[in-house]
Amino acid sequence: MASSTGWRRKAKGLAVAVAVFYSVAGSAYAAPASMVIGGSTSQPIGHYDFCKIHVAECSIRSPDSVPEHLNSKLLHDISAVNLSVNTRVKPMSDMDNYGKDEWWAYPDNGFGDCEDYALEKRRELNSLGIAIANLLMTVVRKPDGEGHAVLTVRTDKGDFILDNLTDKVRLWNQTSYRYLKRQASDNTGHWVSILGGDEQLVSAVK
């Protein structure tokens, strides 16, 4: 068990991170902080297979969904869950973990790759009361061209990204990714394209 000093240090670090993030995010609200969504697009094969196992999770309809209201509690929750899952889950490829490519699953054995981290964050944030319509699996392309999955949290102040490659939670337009597609907010089994993502690219903050 960690010492009380260690826990205080972690709590203080998280509080500072949230305070700094609130300030940085606030300065970015003048920018296009929400993704522009296009029409229906193809479902990732990994999510298709995931849905065959988790049928109920992929048939949730939210036709009248509204974004989460951004406040200090929401910022704390998404920052804490992002950090916690990134710390607890250890990286491992689908091939090494499951013996197959592109297998989306909850990292219940303590290991996973990008989409598994995102699925776990989605599950934990939903258990904290955040609407499933605002917790959207998202596919991006990294600057090196490699595909990657993150979790988008939809709020009334913009779309925030939870990523296993960084403990910092950022607005989508503060990352270096090209955004390709994400789950539809009104139907967890459908996916929609993201328009103009390549126009909003900026250098990643290190």
N, C-alpha and C. Protein backbone atom coordinates (compact mmCIF):
# COMPACT_ATOMS: atom_id res chain seq x y z
N MET A 1 0.85 -1.20 0.00
CA MET A 1 0.00 0.00 0.00
C MET A 1 0.87 1.24 0.00
N ALA A 2 0.49 2.25 -0.80
CA ALA A 2 1.28 3.45 -0.89
C ALA A 2 1.21 4.23 0.41
N SER A 3 2.27 4.96 0.75
CA SER A 3 2.29 5.77 1.95
C SER A 3 1.35 6.95 1.81
N SER A 4 0.98 7.54 2.99
CA SER A 4 0.09 8.69 2.95
C SER A 4 0.74 9.85 2.23
N THR A 5 2.06 9.94 2.35
CA THR A 5 2.79 10.99 1.64
C THR A 5 2.66 10.83 0.15
N GLY A 6 2.76 9.55 -0.30
CA GLY A 6 2.63 9.28 -1.73
C GLY A 6 1.27 9.65 -2.26
N TRP A 7 0.23 9.30 -1.47
CA TRP A 7 -1.13 9.63 -1.91
C TRP A 7 -1.36 11.13 -1.94
N ARG A 8 -0.81 11.85 -0.92
CA ARG A 8 -0.96 13.30 -0.91
C ARG A 8 -0.27 13.93 -2.10
N ARG A 9 0.90 13.37 -2.47
CA ARG A 9 1.63 13.90 -3.62
C ARG A 9 0.83 13.70 -4.89
N LYS A 10 0.23 12.51 -5.05
CA LYS A 10 -0.58 12.24 -6.24
C LYS A 10 -1.80 13.14 -6.29
N ALA A 11 -2.46 13.31 -5.13
CA ALA A 11 -3.65 14.15 -5.09
C ALA A 11 -3.30 15.60 -5.42
N LYS A 12 -2.18 16.06 -4.86
CA LYS A 12 -1.76 17.43 -5.14
C LYS A 12 -1.42 17.60 -6.61
N GLY A 13 -0.73 16.59 -7.17
CA GLY A 13 -0.37 16.65 -8.59
C GLY A 13 -1.59 16.69 -9.48
N LEU A 14 -2.61 15.88 -9.13
CA LEU A 14 -3.83 15.87 -9.93
C LEU A 14 -4.56 17.20 -9.82
N ALA A 15 -4.60 17.76 -8.59
CA ALA A 15 -5.27 19.05 -8.40
C ALA A 15 -4.60 20.14 -9.22
N VAL A 16 -3.28 20.13 -9.22
CA VAL A 16 -2.55 21.13 -10.01
C VAL A 16 -2.80 20.92 -11.49
N ALA A 17 -2.79 19.65 -11.93
CA ALA A 17 -3.02 19.35 -13.35
C ALA A 17 -4.39 19.84 -13.79
N VAL A 18 -5.40 19.60 -12.95
CA VAL A 18 -6.75 20.04 -13.29
C VAL A 18 -6.83 21.55 -13.34
N ALA A 19 -6.20 22.24 -12.37
CA ALA A 19 -6.24 23.70 -12.35
C ALA A 19 -5.56 24.29 -13.57
N VAL A 20 -4.40 23.75 -13.92
CA VAL A 20 -3.69 24.23 -15.10
C VAL A 20 -4.47 23.93 -16.36
N PHE A 21 -5.06 22.71 -16.42
CA PHE A 21 -5.83 22.32 -17.58
C PHE A 21 -7.04 23.21 -17.78
N TYR A 22 -7.72 23.54 -16.67
CA TYR A 22 -8.88 24.42 -16.74
C TYR A 22 -8.49 25.77 -17.35
N SER A 23 -7.33 26.28 -16.94
CA SER A 23 -6.86 27.55 -17.46
C SER A 23 -6.53 27.46 -18.94
N VAL A 24 -5.81 26.41 -19.33
CA VAL A 24 -5.43 26.23 -20.74
C VAL A 24 -6.66 26.01 -21.60
N ALA A 25 -7.57 25.11 -21.11
CA ALA A 25 -8.78 24.83 -21.88
C ALA A 25 -9.62 26.08 -22.05
N GLY A 26 -9.69 26.88 -20.99
CA GLY A 26 -10.50 28.09 -21.06
C GLY A 26 -10.02 29.03 -22.13
N SER A 27 -8.71 29.10 -22.33
CA SER A 27 -8.17 29.99 -23.35
C SER A 27 -8.40 29.48 -24.74
N ALA A 28 -8.80 28.20 -24.86
CA ALA A 28 -8.97 27.60 -26.19
C ALA A 28 -10.41 27.61 -26.65
N TYR A 29 -11.35 28.06 -25.81
CA TYR A 29 -12.74 27.96 -26.17
C TYR A 29 -13.10 28.82 -27.38
N ALA A 30 -12.29 29.83 -27.67
CA ALA A 30 -12.58 30.67 -28.83
C ALA A 30 -12.32 29.90 -30.13
N ALA A 31 -11.49 28.86 -30.07
CA ALA A 31 -11.18 28.04 -31.24
C ALA A 31 -12.33 27.06 -31.48
N PRO A 32 -12.37 26.42 -32.67
CA PRO A 32 -13.42 25.40 -32.91
C PRO A 32 -13.18 24.22 -31.99
N ALA A 33 -13.86 24.21 -30.86
CA ALA A 33 -13.56 23.23 -29.82
C ALA A 33 -14.35 21.93 -29.97
N SER A 34 -15.35 21.92 -30.85
CA SER A 34 -16.13 20.71 -31.08
C SER A 34 -15.93 20.20 -32.49
N MET A 35 -15.85 18.90 -32.64
CA MET A 35 -15.66 18.30 -33.95
C MET A 35 -16.89 18.57 -34.82
N VAL A 36 -16.64 18.70 -36.12
CA VAL A 36 -17.72 18.81 -37.09
C VAL A 36 -17.97 17.41 -37.65
N ILE A 37 -19.18 16.92 -37.45
CA ILE A 37 -19.50 15.54 -37.79
C ILE A 37 -20.14 15.46 -39.17
N GLY A 38 -19.71 14.46 -39.94
CA GLY A 38 -20.28 14.22 -41.26
C GLY A 38 -21.32 13.11 -41.21
N GLY A 39 -21.44 12.39 -42.30
CA GLY A 39 -22.44 11.34 -42.39
C GLY A 39 -21.96 10.01 -41.85
N SER A 40 -22.82 9.01 -41.99
CA SER A 40 -22.49 7.66 -41.53
C SER A 40 -21.28 7.13 -42.27
N THR A 41 -20.49 6.33 -41.57
CA THR A 41 -19.30 5.74 -42.17
C THR A 41 -19.13 4.32 -41.65
N SER A 42 -18.11 3.65 -42.12
CA SER A 42 -17.92 2.25 -41.76
C SER A 42 -17.54 2.08 -40.30
N GLN A 43 -18.02 1.00 -39.72
CA GLN A 43 -17.69 0.64 -38.35
C GLN A 43 -16.35 -0.08 -38.33
N PRO A 44 -15.43 0.30 -37.47
CA PRO A 44 -14.15 -0.42 -37.39
C PRO A 44 -14.39 -1.91 -37.13
N ILE A 45 -13.59 -2.75 -37.76
CA ILE A 45 -13.79 -4.19 -37.64
C ILE A 45 -13.68 -4.64 -36.18
N GLY A 46 -12.78 -4.01 -35.43
CA GLY A 46 -12.63 -4.37 -34.03
C GLY A 46 -13.88 -4.06 -33.22
N HIS A 47 -14.53 -2.95 -33.53
CA HIS A 47 -15.76 -2.60 -32.84
C HIS A 47 -16.91 -3.51 -33.28
N TYR A 48 -16.92 -3.89 -34.53
CA TYR A 48 -17.93 -4.82 -35.04
C TYR A 48 -17.87 -6.13 -34.26
N ASP A 49 -16.66 -6.66 -34.07
CA ASP A 49 -16.51 -7.91 -33.33
C ASP A 49 -16.85 -7.72 -31.85
N PHE A 50 -16.47 -6.57 -31.30
CA PHE A 50 -16.81 -6.24 -29.91
C PHE A 50 -18.32 -6.24 -29.72
N CYS A 51 -19.04 -5.69 -30.69
CA CYS A 51 -20.49 -5.59 -30.60
C CYS A 51 -21.18 -6.94 -30.69
N LYS A 52 -20.56 -7.91 -31.33
CA LYS A 52 -21.15 -9.24 -31.39
C LYS A 52 -21.15 -9.90 -30.01
N ILE A 53 -20.20 -9.48 -29.16
CA ILE A 53 -20.12 -10.02 -27.81
C ILE A 53 -20.91 -9.16 -26.83
N HIS A 54 -20.79 -7.84 -26.99
CA HIS A 54 -21.44 -6.89 -26.09
C HIS A 54 -22.62 -6.24 -26.82
N VAL A 55 -23.61 -7.03 -27.12
CA VAL A 55 -24.72 -6.57 -27.97
C VAL A 55 -25.45 -5.38 -27.35
N ALA A 56 -25.73 -5.46 -26.06
CA ALA A 56 -26.49 -4.40 -25.41
C ALA A 56 -25.76 -3.07 -25.45
N GLU A 57 -24.44 -3.11 -25.36
CA GLU A 57 -23.66 -1.88 -25.35
C GLU A 57 -23.65 -1.20 -26.71
N CYS A 58 -23.97 -1.92 -27.74
CA CYS A 58 -23.90 -1.38 -29.10
C CYS A 58 -25.29 -1.12 -29.68
N SER A 59 -26.29 -1.09 -28.82
CA SER A 59 -27.66 -0.84 -29.29
C SER A 59 -28.34 0.22 -28.43
N ILE A 60 -27.55 1.13 -27.87
CA ILE A 60 -28.09 2.20 -27.02
C ILE A 60 -28.45 3.40 -27.90
N ARG A 61 -29.70 3.83 -27.83
CA ARG A 61 -30.16 4.98 -28.61
C ARG A 61 -30.31 6.19 -27.69
N SER A 62 -29.78 7.33 -28.13
CA SER A 62 -29.87 8.58 -27.36
C SER A 62 -30.22 9.71 -28.32
N PRO A 63 -31.43 9.70 -28.86
CA PRO A 63 -31.78 10.67 -29.92
C PRO A 63 -31.80 12.12 -29.45
N ASP A 64 -32.02 12.37 -28.17
CA ASP A 64 -32.12 13.74 -27.68
C ASP A 64 -30.94 14.11 -26.78
N SER A 65 -29.80 13.52 -27.03
CA SER A 65 -28.64 13.74 -26.16
C SER A 65 -28.12 15.17 -26.28
N VAL A 66 -27.64 15.69 -25.17
CA VAL A 66 -26.97 16.99 -25.16
C VAL A 66 -25.60 16.79 -24.54
N PRO A 67 -24.61 17.61 -24.90
CA PRO A 67 -23.27 17.46 -24.33
C PRO A 67 -23.26 17.65 -22.82
N GLU A 68 -22.29 17.04 -22.16
CA GLU A 68 -22.12 17.23 -20.73
C GLU A 68 -21.78 18.68 -20.42
N HIS A 69 -22.29 19.16 -19.30
CA HIS A 69 -21.92 20.51 -18.86
C HIS A 69 -20.53 20.46 -18.25
N LEU A 70 -19.62 21.28 -18.76
CA LEU A 70 -18.24 21.28 -18.26
C LEU A 70 -18.15 22.08 -16.97
N ASN A 71 -17.74 21.41 -15.90
CA ASN A 71 -17.51 22.07 -14.63
C ASN A 71 -16.29 21.43 -13.97
N SER A 72 -15.94 21.89 -12.79
CA SER A 72 -14.72 21.40 -12.15
C SER A 72 -14.81 19.91 -11.82
N LYS A 73 -16.00 19.42 -11.46
CA LYS A 73 -16.14 17.99 -11.16
C LYS A 73 -15.90 17.14 -12.39
N LEU A 74 -16.47 17.54 -13.53
CA LEU A 74 -16.27 16.77 -14.75
C LEU A 74 -14.80 16.78 -15.14
N LEU A 75 -14.15 17.93 -15.04
CA LEU A 75 -12.73 18.00 -15.36
C LEU A 75 -11.92 17.07 -14.45
N HIS A 76 -12.26 17.08 -13.17
CA HIS A 76 -11.56 16.20 -12.23
C HIS A 76 -11.79 14.74 -12.59
N ASP A 77 -13.04 14.37 -12.87
CA ASP A 77 -13.36 12.98 -13.15
C ASP A 77 -12.65 12.46 -14.40
N ILE A 78 -12.68 13.24 -15.49
CA ILE A 78 -12.07 12.74 -16.71
C ILE A 78 -10.55 12.71 -16.58
N SER A 79 -9.97 13.67 -15.87
CA SER A 79 -8.52 13.67 -15.66
C SER A 79 -8.10 12.50 -14.77
N ALA A 80 -8.88 12.25 -13.69
CA ALA A 80 -8.55 11.18 -12.76
C ALA A 80 -8.67 9.81 -13.42
N VAL A 81 -9.74 9.60 -14.19
CA VAL A 81 -9.92 8.30 -14.85
C VAL A 81 -8.87 8.09 -15.92
N ASN A 82 -8.55 9.13 -16.68
CA ASN A 82 -7.51 9.00 -17.70
C ASN A 82 -6.19 8.57 -17.06
N LEU A 83 -5.80 9.24 -15.98
CA LEU A 83 -4.55 8.92 -15.29
C LEU A 83 -4.60 7.53 -14.68
N SER A 84 -5.71 7.19 -14.04
CA SER A 84 -5.82 5.90 -13.37
C SER A 84 -5.72 4.74 -14.35
N VAL A 85 -6.46 4.80 -15.44
CA VAL A 85 -6.42 3.69 -16.41
C VAL A 85 -5.05 3.62 -17.08
N ASN A 86 -4.48 4.75 -17.42
CA ASN A 86 -3.15 4.75 -18.02
C ASN A 86 -2.11 4.12 -17.10
N THR A 87 -2.30 4.29 -15.79
CA THR A 87 -1.36 3.75 -14.81
C THR A 87 -1.59 2.27 -14.58
N ARG A 88 -2.84 1.86 -14.50
CA ARG A 88 -3.17 0.47 -14.13
C ARG A 88 -3.00 -0.51 -15.27
N VAL A 89 -3.35 -0.10 -16.49
CA VAL A 89 -3.29 -1.01 -17.64
C VAL A 89 -1.90 -0.94 -18.27
N LYS A 90 -1.34 -2.09 -18.55
CA LYS A 90 -0.02 -2.16 -19.15
C LYS A 90 -0.15 -2.41 -20.66
N PRO A 91 0.67 -1.74 -21.47
CA PRO A 91 0.52 -1.88 -22.92
C PRO A 91 0.92 -3.27 -23.43
N MET A 92 0.08 -3.81 -24.31
CA MET A 92 0.36 -5.09 -24.96
C MET A 92 -0.45 -5.15 -26.24
N SER A 93 0.15 -5.60 -27.31
CA SER A 93 -0.54 -5.68 -28.59
C SER A 93 -1.63 -6.74 -28.55
N ASP A 94 -2.62 -6.60 -29.44
CA ASP A 94 -3.69 -7.59 -29.53
C ASP A 94 -3.13 -8.97 -29.86
N MET A 95 -2.13 -9.01 -30.72
CA MET A 95 -1.56 -10.30 -31.10
C MET A 95 -0.93 -11.00 -29.91
N ASP A 96 -0.18 -10.25 -29.10
CA ASP A 96 0.44 -10.85 -27.92
C ASP A 96 -0.59 -11.18 -26.85
N ASN A 97 -1.63 -10.36 -26.76
CA ASN A 97 -2.62 -10.51 -25.69
C ASN A 97 -3.67 -11.56 -26.03
N TYR A 98 -4.15 -11.53 -27.28
CA TYR A 98 -5.27 -12.39 -27.66
C TYR A 98 -4.97 -13.33 -28.82
N GLY A 99 -3.80 -13.17 -29.42
CA GLY A 99 -3.45 -14.03 -30.54
C GLY A 99 -4.13 -13.66 -31.84
N LYS A 100 -4.61 -12.40 -31.94
CA LYS A 100 -5.26 -11.94 -33.17
C LYS A 100 -5.11 -10.44 -33.27
N ASP A 101 -5.26 -9.93 -34.50
CA ASP A 101 -5.16 -8.49 -34.72
C ASP A 101 -6.52 -7.83 -34.48
N GLU A 102 -6.48 -6.57 -34.08
CA GLU A 102 -7.67 -5.73 -33.96
C GLU A 102 -8.78 -6.40 -33.15
N TRP A 103 -8.45 -6.76 -31.93
CA TRP A 103 -9.44 -7.34 -31.04
C TRP A 103 -9.73 -6.34 -29.93
N TRP A 104 -10.94 -5.75 -29.96
CA TRP A 104 -11.32 -4.75 -28.97
C TRP A 104 -11.92 -5.45 -27.76
N ALA A 105 -11.40 -5.14 -26.59
CA ALA A 105 -11.88 -5.80 -25.37
C ALA A 105 -11.55 -4.94 -24.15
N TYR A 106 -12.30 -5.15 -23.08
CA TYR A 106 -11.95 -4.50 -21.83
C TYR A 106 -10.67 -5.13 -21.28
N PRO A 107 -9.75 -4.32 -20.76
CA PRO A 107 -8.46 -4.85 -20.29
C PRO A 107 -8.57 -5.46 -18.89
N ASP A 108 -9.47 -6.42 -18.73
CA ASP A 108 -9.71 -6.99 -17.41
C ASP A 108 -8.52 -7.81 -16.90
N ASN A 109 -7.63 -8.22 -17.81
CA ASN A 109 -6.45 -8.96 -17.38
C ASN A 109 -5.27 -8.03 -17.09
N GLY A 110 -5.51 -6.70 -17.17
CA GLY A 110 -4.46 -5.73 -16.84
C GLY A 110 -3.62 -5.31 -18.02
N PHE A 111 -3.93 -5.82 -19.22
CA PHE A 111 -3.15 -5.49 -20.40
C PHE A 111 -4.08 -5.05 -21.53
N GLY A 112 -3.56 -4.24 -22.45
CA GLY A 112 -4.37 -3.82 -23.58
C GLY A 112 -3.62 -2.88 -24.48
N ASP A 113 -4.24 -2.57 -25.64
CA ASP A 113 -3.68 -1.54 -26.50
C ASP A 113 -4.66 -0.37 -26.54
N CYS A 114 -4.47 0.55 -27.46
CA CYS A 114 -5.14 1.85 -27.38
C CYS A 114 -6.65 1.77 -27.22
N GLU A 115 -7.32 0.93 -28.01
CA GLU A 115 -8.78 0.89 -27.93
C GLU A 115 -9.25 0.26 -26.62
N ASP A 116 -8.44 -0.63 -26.04
CA ASP A 116 -8.82 -1.24 -24.78
C ASP A 116 -8.77 -0.22 -23.64
N TYR A 117 -7.75 0.64 -23.66
CA TYR A 117 -7.69 1.74 -22.69
C TYR A 117 -8.93 2.62 -22.84
N ALA A 118 -9.28 2.95 -24.08
CA ALA A 118 -10.41 3.84 -24.32
C ALA A 118 -11.72 3.21 -23.86
N LEU A 119 -11.89 1.92 -24.12
CA LEU A 119 -13.10 1.23 -23.67
C LEU A 119 -13.23 1.24 -22.15
N GLU A 120 -12.12 1.02 -21.47
CA GLU A 120 -12.16 1.01 -20.01
C GLU A 120 -12.49 2.40 -19.45
N LYS A 121 -11.91 3.44 -20.03
CA LYS A 121 -12.22 4.81 -19.59
C LYS A 121 -13.69 5.11 -19.82
N ARG A 122 -14.20 4.65 -20.95
CA ARG A 122 -15.62 4.85 -21.26
C ARG A 122 -16.49 4.17 -20.21
N ARG A 123 -16.16 2.94 -19.87
CA ARG A 123 -16.92 2.19 -18.88
C ARG A 123 -16.89 2.87 -17.51
N GLU A 124 -15.71 3.31 -17.09
CA GLU A 124 -15.58 3.90 -15.76
C GLU A 124 -16.26 5.27 -15.68
N LEU A 125 -16.14 6.07 -16.72
CA LEU A 125 -16.78 7.38 -16.70
C LEU A 125 -18.30 7.25 -16.77
N ASN A 126 -18.80 6.27 -17.51
CA ASN A 126 -20.24 6.03 -17.55
C ASN A 126 -20.75 5.63 -16.16
N SER A 127 -19.94 4.85 -15.43
CA SER A 127 -20.34 4.44 -14.08
C SER A 127 -20.37 5.62 -13.11
N LEU A 128 -19.69 6.71 -13.47
CA LEU A 128 -19.70 7.92 -12.65
C LEU A 128 -20.86 8.85 -13.01
N GLY A 129 -21.66 8.45 -13.99
CA GLY A 129 -22.85 9.22 -14.33
C GLY A 129 -22.77 10.02 -15.61
N ILE A 130 -21.66 9.92 -16.34
CA ILE A 130 -21.55 10.62 -17.62
C ILE A 130 -22.31 9.83 -18.67
N ALA A 131 -23.15 10.50 -19.43
CA ALA A 131 -24.00 9.83 -20.41
C ALA A 131 -23.17 9.10 -21.46
N ILE A 132 -23.61 7.91 -21.82
CA ILE A 132 -22.89 7.13 -22.82
C ILE A 132 -22.86 7.86 -24.16
N ALA A 133 -23.84 8.72 -24.42
CA ALA A 133 -23.87 9.49 -25.67
C ALA A 133 -22.72 10.49 -25.75
N ASN A 134 -22.09 10.77 -24.62
CA ASN A 134 -20.99 11.73 -24.59
C ASN A 134 -19.64 11.07 -24.36
N LEU A 135 -19.61 9.74 -24.46
CA LEU A 135 -18.37 8.98 -24.31
C LEU A 135 -18.18 8.16 -25.58
N LEU A 136 -17.42 8.69 -26.52
CA LEU A 136 -17.43 8.17 -27.88
C LEU A 136 -16.06 7.63 -28.29
N MET A 137 -16.03 6.35 -28.64
CA MET A 137 -14.82 5.76 -29.21
C MET A 137 -14.50 6.48 -30.51
N THR A 138 -13.22 6.80 -30.71
CA THR A 138 -12.82 7.65 -31.83
C THR A 138 -11.55 7.11 -32.48
N VAL A 139 -11.54 7.09 -33.79
CA VAL A 139 -10.37 6.61 -34.54
C VAL A 139 -9.65 7.80 -35.17
N VAL A 140 -8.34 7.84 -34.97
CA VAL A 140 -7.52 8.95 -35.48
C VAL A 140 -6.32 8.37 -36.22
N ARG A 141 -5.61 9.27 -36.88
CA ARG A 141 -4.34 8.89 -37.47
C ARG A 141 -3.25 9.75 -36.84
N LYS A 142 -2.20 9.10 -36.36
CA LYS A 142 -1.09 9.81 -35.74
C LYS A 142 -0.23 10.47 -36.82
N PRO A 143 0.63 11.42 -36.44
CA PRO A 143 1.47 12.09 -37.43
C PRO A 143 2.33 11.14 -38.26
N ASP A 144 2.69 9.97 -37.69
CA ASP A 144 3.50 9.01 -38.45
C ASP A 144 2.65 8.13 -39.36
N GLY A 145 1.34 8.38 -39.41
CA GLY A 145 0.45 7.62 -40.29
C GLY A 145 -0.20 6.41 -39.65
N GLU A 146 0.20 6.05 -38.44
CA GLU A 146 -0.35 4.88 -37.78
C GLU A 146 -1.74 5.18 -37.23
N GLY A 147 -2.65 4.20 -37.35
CA GLY A 147 -3.97 4.34 -36.79
C GLY A 147 -3.93 4.26 -35.27
N HIS A 148 -4.89 4.89 -34.63
CA HIS A 148 -4.89 4.98 -33.17
C HIS A 148 -6.32 5.20 -32.71
N ALA A 149 -6.65 4.75 -31.51
CA ALA A 149 -7.99 4.95 -30.94
C ALA A 149 -7.90 5.72 -29.63
N VAL A 150 -8.82 6.64 -29.43
CA VAL A 150 -8.90 7.44 -28.22
C VAL A 150 -10.36 7.52 -27.80
N LEU A 151 -10.61 8.10 -26.63
CA LEU A 151 -11.97 8.35 -26.19
C LEU A 151 -12.26 9.84 -26.25
N THR A 152 -13.37 10.20 -26.89
CA THR A 152 -13.83 11.58 -26.91
C THR A 152 -14.91 11.77 -25.85
N VAL A 153 -14.74 12.81 -25.02
CA VAL A 153 -15.77 13.21 -24.07
C VAL A 153 -16.40 14.49 -24.60
N ARG A 154 -17.67 14.42 -24.93
CA ARG A 154 -18.38 15.54 -25.54
C ARG A 154 -18.94 16.46 -24.45
N THR A 155 -18.56 17.75 -24.47
CA THR A 155 -19.05 18.70 -23.48
C THR A 155 -19.56 19.95 -24.18
N ASP A 156 -20.21 20.81 -23.38
CA ASP A 156 -20.73 22.05 -23.95
C ASP A 156 -19.63 23.09 -24.18
N LYS A 157 -18.40 22.74 -23.80
CA LYS A 157 -17.25 23.61 -24.07
C LYS A 157 -16.27 22.98 -25.05
N GLY A 158 -16.69 21.90 -25.69
CA GLY A 158 -15.83 21.27 -26.67
C GLY A 158 -15.62 19.79 -26.41
N ASP A 159 -14.91 19.15 -27.34
CA ASP A 159 -14.66 17.71 -27.28
C ASP A 159 -13.26 17.45 -26.72
N PHE A 160 -13.21 16.71 -25.61
CA PHE A 160 -11.96 16.42 -24.93
C PHE A 160 -11.50 14.99 -25.22
N ILE A 161 -10.19 14.82 -25.29
CA ILE A 161 -9.60 13.55 -25.71
C ILE A 161 -8.87 12.89 -24.54
N LEU A 162 -9.23 11.62 -24.28
CA LEU A 162 -8.53 10.80 -23.31
C LEU A 162 -7.72 9.77 -24.08
N ASP A 163 -6.42 9.74 -23.82
CA ASP A 163 -5.47 9.05 -24.68
C ASP A 163 -4.52 8.24 -23.82
N ASN A 164 -4.25 7.01 -24.20
CA ASN A 164 -3.30 6.21 -23.43
C ASN A 164 -1.85 6.65 -23.63
N LEU A 165 -1.59 7.50 -24.61
CA LEU A 165 -0.22 7.96 -24.88
C LEU A 165 0.16 9.19 -24.07
N THR A 166 -0.80 9.77 -23.35
CA THR A 166 -0.51 10.92 -22.51
C THR A 166 -1.49 10.97 -21.34
N ASP A 167 -1.01 11.43 -20.20
CA ASP A 167 -1.88 11.59 -19.04
C ASP A 167 -2.59 12.94 -19.05
N LYS A 168 -2.26 13.79 -20.01
CA LYS A 168 -2.90 15.09 -20.11
C LYS A 168 -4.16 14.98 -20.97
N VAL A 169 -5.25 15.53 -20.47
CA VAL A 169 -6.50 15.57 -21.22
C VAL A 169 -6.55 16.89 -21.97
N ARG A 170 -6.81 16.83 -23.27
CA ARG A 170 -6.79 18.04 -24.09
C ARG A 170 -8.04 18.12 -24.97
N LEU A 171 -8.36 19.33 -25.39
CA LEU A 171 -9.34 19.49 -26.44
C LEU A 171 -8.83 18.81 -27.70
N TRP A 172 -9.73 18.33 -28.53
CA TRP A 172 -9.33 17.59 -29.73
C TRP A 172 -8.43 18.41 -30.64
N ASN A 173 -8.67 19.73 -30.70
CA ASN A 173 -7.87 20.57 -31.61
C ASN A 173 -6.55 21.01 -30.99
N GLN A 174 -6.23 20.46 -29.82
CA GLN A 174 -4.92 20.70 -29.21
C GLN A 174 -4.02 19.48 -29.33
N THR A 175 -4.43 18.51 -30.12
CA THR A 175 -3.61 17.32 -30.34
C THR A 175 -3.01 17.37 -31.74
N SER A 176 -2.14 16.42 -32.02
CA SER A 176 -1.48 16.37 -33.33
C SER A 176 -2.12 15.35 -34.26
N TYR A 177 -3.32 14.87 -33.92
CA TYR A 177 -3.95 13.80 -34.68
C TYR A 177 -4.81 14.32 -35.82
N ARG A 178 -4.99 13.46 -36.82
CA ARG A 178 -6.01 13.67 -37.84
C ARG A 178 -7.20 12.80 -37.45
N TYR A 179 -8.36 13.41 -37.28
CA TYR A 179 -9.53 12.70 -36.79
C TYR A 179 -10.33 12.14 -37.96
N LEU A 180 -10.62 10.84 -37.90
CA LEU A 180 -11.25 10.14 -39.01
C LEU A 180 -12.72 9.82 -38.77
N LYS A 181 -13.03 9.19 -37.64
CA LYS A 181 -14.41 8.76 -37.39
C LYS A 181 -14.60 8.54 -35.90
N ARG A 182 -15.87 8.55 -35.47
CA ARG A 182 -16.17 8.25 -34.08
C ARG A 182 -17.58 7.67 -34.00
N GLN A 183 -17.89 7.10 -32.85
CA GLN A 183 -19.25 6.61 -32.62
C GLN A 183 -20.24 7.76 -32.73
N ALA A 184 -21.41 7.46 -33.24
CA ALA A 184 -22.48 8.45 -33.28
C ALA A 184 -23.01 8.66 -31.88
N SER A 185 -23.29 9.91 -31.53
CA SER A 185 -23.77 10.20 -30.18
C SER A 185 -25.19 9.68 -29.95
N ASP A 186 -25.94 9.47 -31.02
CA ASP A 186 -27.33 9.02 -30.86
C ASP A 186 -27.52 7.52 -31.01
N ASN A 187 -26.41 6.79 -31.31
CA ASN A 187 -26.53 5.35 -31.53
C ASN A 187 -25.15 4.73 -31.36
N THR A 188 -24.96 3.95 -30.29
CA THR A 188 -23.63 3.42 -29.99
C THR A 188 -23.14 2.39 -31.01
N GLY A 189 -24.04 1.89 -31.85
CA GLY A 189 -23.63 0.92 -32.85
C GLY A 189 -23.27 1.52 -34.19
N HIS A 190 -23.48 2.83 -34.35
CA HIS A 190 -23.20 3.52 -35.61
C HIS A 190 -21.98 4.42 -35.48
N TRP A 191 -21.33 4.67 -36.61
CA TRP A 191 -20.15 5.53 -36.64
C TRP A 191 -20.36 6.63 -37.67
N VAL A 192 -19.76 7.80 -37.41
CA VAL A 192 -19.87 8.94 -38.31
C VAL A 192 -18.47 9.48 -38.62
N SER A 193 -18.35 10.11 -39.77
CA SER A 193 -17.08 10.70 -40.15
C SER A 193 -16.87 12.02 -39.41
N ILE A 194 -15.62 12.45 -39.34
CA ILE A 194 -15.27 13.72 -38.72
C ILE A 194 -14.68 14.60 -39.80
N LEU A 195 -15.26 15.76 -40.00
CA LEU A 195 -14.86 16.65 -41.09
C LEU A 195 -13.84 17.68 -40.63
N GLY A 196 -12.88 17.97 -41.49
CA GLY A 196 -11.96 19.06 -41.23
C GLY A 196 -10.93 18.82 -40.15
N GLY A 197 -10.78 17.59 -39.71
CA GLY A 197 -9.81 17.33 -38.66
C GLY A 197 -8.40 17.72 -39.03
N ASP A 198 -8.05 17.51 -40.30
CA ASP A 198 -6.69 17.82 -40.73
C ASP A 198 -6.45 19.32 -40.77
N GLU A 199 -7.51 20.11 -40.74
CA GLU A 199 -7.34 21.57 -40.77
C GLU A 199 -7.08 22.14 -39.38
N GLN A 200 -7.29 21.31 -38.34
CA GLN A 200 -7.15 21.81 -36.99
C GLN A 200 -5.87 21.29 -36.32
N LEU A 201 -5.00 20.66 -37.07
CA LEU A 201 -3.81 20.06 -36.46
C LEU A 201 -2.87 21.11 -35.93
N VAL A 202 -2.36 20.87 -34.73
CA VAL A 202 -1.32 21.72 -34.14
C VAL A 202 -0.28 20.81 -33.57
N SER A 203 0.87 21.35 -33.23
CA SER A 203 1.93 20.54 -32.64
C SER A 203 1.47 20.04 -31.27
N ALA A 204 1.80 18.81 -30.98
CA ALA A 204 1.43 18.26 -29.67
C ALA A 204 2.20 18.96 -28.58
N VAL A 205 1.53 19.20 -27.46
CA VAL A 205 2.18 19.79 -26.30
C VAL A 205 2.91 18.69 -25.56
N LYS A 206 4.16 18.88 -25.29
CA LYS A 206 4.95 17.83 -24.62
C LYS A 206 4.98 18.07 -23.13
